[in-house]
């Protein structure tokens, strides 16, 4: 399971706005994106990760990513701040 790290993370962000902030601040250790999220939402996150050298892990769907974050709705992205 690629998102097992997200499930076990002590600190994480959920949602694109919080995730992009954590990348720009240099806090994100790994970023998870949903494969079915809209490109205009996740493309800036992917670009930011490449610039900062942060690992990007793709998860199948927004719903699976949301469940991995412990929420009942889908989300486009999340980041691990602390393992």
N, C-alpha and C. Protein backbone atom coordinates (compact mmCIF):
# COMPACT_ATOMS: atom_id res chain seq x y z
N UNK A 1 0.85 -1.19 0.00
CA UNK A 1 0.00 0.00 0.00
C UNK A 1 0.89 1.25 0.00
N UNK A 2 0.82 2.05 -1.06
CA UNK A 2 1.68 3.23 -1.12
C UNK A 2 1.34 4.29 -0.09
N UNK A 3 0.12 4.28 0.41
CA UNK A 3 -0.30 5.33 1.33
C UNK A 3 -0.20 4.92 2.81
N UNK A 4 0.44 3.78 3.07
CA UNK A 4 0.61 3.32 4.45
C UNK A 4 1.38 4.35 5.29
N UNK A 5 2.35 5.00 4.66
CA UNK A 5 3.14 6.04 5.34
C UNK A 5 2.23 7.19 5.81
N UNK A 6 1.23 7.51 5.00
CA UNK A 6 0.29 8.58 5.34
C UNK A 6 -0.57 8.18 6.53
N UNK A 7 -0.99 6.92 6.56
CA UNK A 7 -1.81 6.42 7.67
C UNK A 7 -1.07 6.51 9.00
N UNK A 8 0.25 6.23 8.96
CA UNK A 8 1.05 6.18 10.18
C UNK A 8 1.66 7.52 10.58
N UNK A 9 1.57 8.50 9.71
CA UNK A 9 2.22 9.80 9.96
C UNK A 9 1.70 10.46 11.22
N UNK A 10 2.63 11.00 12.02
CA UNK A 10 2.23 11.72 13.23
C UNK A 10 1.71 13.11 12.88
N UNK A 11 2.28 13.71 11.83
CA UNK A 11 1.84 15.03 11.39
C UNK A 11 1.65 15.00 9.89
N UNK A 12 0.51 15.54 9.42
CA UNK A 12 0.24 15.58 7.99
C UNK A 12 -0.66 16.76 7.65
N UNK A 13 -0.70 17.08 6.38
CA UNK A 13 -1.66 18.08 5.90
C UNK A 13 -2.67 17.35 5.04
N UNK A 14 -3.88 17.88 5.00
CA UNK A 14 -4.93 17.30 4.16
C UNK A 14 -5.51 18.44 3.33
N UNK A 15 -5.55 18.25 2.03
CA UNK A 15 -6.09 19.27 1.15
C UNK A 15 -4.99 20.02 0.42
N UNK A 16 -5.33 20.53 -0.75
CA UNK A 16 -4.34 21.13 -1.63
C UNK A 16 -3.74 22.43 -1.10
N UNK A 17 -4.55 23.29 -0.50
CA UNK A 17 -4.02 24.56 0.00
C UNK A 17 -2.99 24.33 1.10
N UNK A 18 -3.31 23.47 2.05
CA UNK A 18 -2.39 23.18 3.15
C UNK A 18 -1.15 22.44 2.65
N UNK A 19 -1.34 21.56 1.68
CA UNK A 19 -0.22 20.78 1.14
C UNK A 19 0.77 21.69 0.44
N UNK A 20 0.28 22.59 -0.39
CA UNK A 20 1.19 23.48 -1.13
C UNK A 20 1.94 24.41 -0.17
N UNK A 21 1.26 24.86 0.88
CA UNK A 21 1.93 25.69 1.89
C UNK A 21 3.06 24.91 2.56
N UNK A 22 2.81 23.65 2.89
CA UNK A 22 3.83 22.84 3.57
C UNK A 22 5.04 22.58 2.66
N UNK A 23 4.80 22.44 1.36
CA UNK A 23 5.90 22.25 0.40
C UNK A 23 6.73 23.52 0.33
N UNK A 24 6.07 24.66 0.17
CA UNK A 24 6.77 25.94 0.05
C UNK A 24 7.55 26.29 1.31
N UNK A 25 7.07 25.86 2.46
CA UNK A 25 7.77 26.12 3.73
C UNK A 25 8.89 25.10 4.00
N UNK A 26 9.00 24.08 3.14
CA UNK A 26 10.03 23.07 3.32
C UNK A 26 9.70 22.05 4.39
N UNK A 27 8.42 21.91 4.74
CA UNK A 27 7.99 20.98 5.80
C UNK A 27 7.60 19.60 5.27
N UNK A 28 7.18 19.52 4.01
CA UNK A 28 6.68 18.26 3.46
C UNK A 28 7.82 17.28 3.18
N UNK A 29 7.66 16.06 3.68
CA UNK A 29 8.64 14.99 3.42
C UNK A 29 8.21 14.15 2.23
N UNK A 30 6.92 13.97 2.07
CA UNK A 30 6.36 13.24 0.93
C UNK A 30 4.95 13.78 0.66
N UNK A 31 4.59 13.83 -0.60
CA UNK A 31 3.27 14.35 -0.99
C UNK A 31 2.51 13.26 -1.74
N UNK A 32 1.25 13.10 -1.37
CA UNK A 32 0.36 12.13 -2.00
C UNK A 32 -0.65 12.88 -2.84
N UNK A 33 -0.84 12.43 -4.08
CA UNK A 33 -1.85 13.05 -4.94
C UNK A 33 -2.79 11.98 -5.44
N UNK A 34 -4.04 12.35 -5.67
CA UNK A 34 -5.04 11.42 -6.19
C UNK A 34 -4.98 11.40 -7.71
N UNK A 35 -4.94 10.20 -8.28
CA UNK A 35 -4.85 10.05 -9.72
C UNK A 35 -6.05 10.60 -10.47
N UNK A 36 -7.20 10.69 -9.81
CA UNK A 36 -8.40 11.18 -10.49
C UNK A 36 -8.74 12.63 -10.13
N UNK A 37 -7.81 13.31 -9.47
CA UNK A 37 -8.04 14.73 -9.13
C UNK A 37 -7.89 15.57 -10.40
N UNK A 38 -8.52 16.73 -10.39
CA UNK A 38 -8.43 17.61 -11.56
C UNK A 38 -7.00 18.12 -11.71
N UNK A 39 -6.53 18.13 -12.95
CA UNK A 39 -5.13 18.51 -13.23
C UNK A 39 -4.82 19.92 -12.76
N UNK A 40 -5.75 20.85 -12.91
CA UNK A 40 -5.46 22.24 -12.50
C UNK A 40 -5.27 22.36 -10.99
N UNK A 41 -5.72 21.37 -10.25
CA UNK A 41 -5.55 21.36 -8.79
C UNK A 41 -4.19 20.75 -8.41
N UNK A 42 -3.84 19.63 -9.04
CA UNK A 42 -2.62 18.92 -8.62
C UNK A 42 -1.35 19.31 -9.38
N UNK A 43 -1.49 19.85 -10.59
CA UNK A 43 -0.28 20.22 -11.35
C UNK A 43 0.62 21.22 -10.61
N UNK A 44 0.06 22.28 -10.00
CA UNK A 44 0.95 23.20 -9.26
C UNK A 44 1.65 22.51 -8.08
N UNK A 45 1.00 21.54 -7.48
CA UNK A 45 1.59 20.80 -6.35
C UNK A 45 2.75 19.95 -6.86
N UNK A 46 2.54 19.27 -7.99
CA UNK A 46 3.59 18.44 -8.57
C UNK A 46 4.79 19.30 -8.96
N UNK A 47 4.53 20.46 -9.58
CA UNK A 47 5.62 21.37 -9.97
C UNK A 47 6.40 21.84 -8.75
N UNK A 48 5.68 22.20 -7.71
CA UNK A 48 6.33 22.67 -6.48
C UNK A 48 7.19 21.57 -5.86
N UNK A 49 6.69 20.34 -5.89
CA UNK A 49 7.45 19.20 -5.36
C UNK A 49 8.75 18.99 -6.14
N UNK A 50 8.67 19.11 -7.47
CA UNK A 50 9.87 18.94 -8.30
C UNK A 50 10.89 20.01 -7.98
N UNK A 51 10.43 21.24 -7.80
CA UNK A 51 11.32 22.36 -7.49
C UNK A 51 12.02 22.14 -6.15
N UNK A 52 11.27 21.66 -5.16
CA UNK A 52 11.80 21.49 -3.80
C UNK A 52 12.40 20.11 -3.55
N UNK A 53 12.29 19.20 -4.53
CA UNK A 53 12.85 17.86 -4.37
C UNK A 53 12.07 16.97 -3.41
N UNK A 54 10.74 17.16 -3.40
CA UNK A 54 9.87 16.37 -2.52
C UNK A 54 9.29 15.20 -3.31
N UNK A 55 9.29 14.01 -2.70
CA UNK A 55 8.75 12.81 -3.33
C UNK A 55 7.24 12.94 -3.54
N UNK A 56 6.78 12.56 -4.73
CA UNK A 56 5.34 12.57 -5.05
C UNK A 56 4.89 11.12 -5.21
N UNK A 57 3.83 10.76 -4.49
CA UNK A 57 3.29 9.40 -4.55
C UNK A 57 1.84 9.50 -5.02
N UNK A 58 1.54 8.78 -6.09
CA UNK A 58 0.18 8.82 -6.62
C UNK A 58 -0.67 7.71 -6.01
N UNK A 59 -1.87 8.08 -5.58
CA UNK A 59 -2.86 7.15 -5.03
C UNK A 59 -3.98 7.09 -6.07
N UNK A 60 -4.64 5.93 -6.18
CA UNK A 60 -5.62 5.71 -7.24
C UNK A 60 -6.71 6.78 -7.32
N UNK A 61 -7.42 7.02 -6.21
CA UNK A 61 -8.56 7.93 -6.26
C UNK A 61 -8.58 8.90 -5.08
N UNK A 62 -9.38 9.94 -5.23
CA UNK A 62 -9.55 10.92 -4.16
C UNK A 62 -10.18 10.28 -2.92
N UNK A 63 -11.10 9.35 -3.15
CA UNK A 63 -11.78 8.70 -2.03
C UNK A 63 -10.80 7.86 -1.21
N UNK A 64 -9.94 7.11 -1.89
CA UNK A 64 -8.93 6.30 -1.19
C UNK A 64 -7.98 7.20 -0.41
N UNK A 65 -7.57 8.31 -1.02
CA UNK A 65 -6.66 9.24 -0.34
C UNK A 65 -7.35 9.86 0.88
N UNK A 66 -8.61 10.20 0.75
CA UNK A 66 -9.37 10.75 1.88
C UNK A 66 -9.44 9.76 3.03
N UNK A 67 -9.73 8.51 2.72
CA UNK A 67 -9.80 7.47 3.76
C UNK A 67 -8.44 7.27 4.43
N UNK A 68 -7.37 7.32 3.63
CA UNK A 68 -6.01 7.19 4.18
C UNK A 68 -5.69 8.34 5.13
N UNK A 69 -6.34 9.47 4.93
CA UNK A 69 -6.16 10.65 5.79
C UNK A 69 -7.08 10.61 7.00
N UNK A 70 -7.99 9.64 7.02
CA UNK A 70 -8.92 9.53 8.14
C UNK A 70 -10.16 10.40 8.01
N UNK A 71 -10.48 10.80 6.78
CA UNK A 71 -11.69 11.59 6.56
C UNK A 71 -12.65 10.81 5.68
N UNK A 72 -13.91 11.16 5.73
CA UNK A 72 -14.95 10.41 5.02
C UNK A 72 -15.21 10.91 3.60
N UNK A 73 -14.52 11.97 3.19
CA UNK A 73 -14.69 12.51 1.84
C UNK A 73 -13.36 12.41 1.10
N UNK A 74 -13.41 12.57 -0.20
CA UNK A 74 -12.19 12.50 -0.99
C UNK A 74 -11.34 13.75 -0.83
N UNK A 75 -10.06 13.61 -1.11
CA UNK A 75 -9.19 14.78 -1.16
C UNK A 75 -8.18 14.60 -2.28
N UNK A 76 -7.76 15.70 -2.87
CA UNK A 76 -6.87 15.67 -4.03
C UNK A 76 -5.42 15.46 -3.64
N UNK A 77 -5.03 15.97 -2.46
CA UNK A 77 -3.64 15.85 -2.04
C UNK A 77 -3.50 15.89 -0.53
N UNK A 78 -2.36 15.35 -0.09
CA UNK A 78 -2.01 15.35 1.33
C UNK A 78 -0.50 15.25 1.41
N UNK A 79 0.05 15.65 2.55
CA UNK A 79 1.51 15.58 2.72
C UNK A 79 1.86 15.03 4.10
N UNK A 80 2.96 14.29 4.16
CA UNK A 80 3.51 13.82 5.42
C UNK A 80 4.52 14.87 5.87
N UNK A 81 4.31 15.40 7.08
CA UNK A 81 5.25 16.37 7.65
C UNK A 81 6.19 15.74 8.64
N UNK A 82 5.68 14.72 9.33
CA UNK A 82 6.47 14.03 10.34
C UNK A 82 6.06 12.57 10.37
N UNK A 83 7.04 11.67 10.20
CA UNK A 83 6.73 10.22 10.21
C UNK A 83 6.39 9.73 11.60
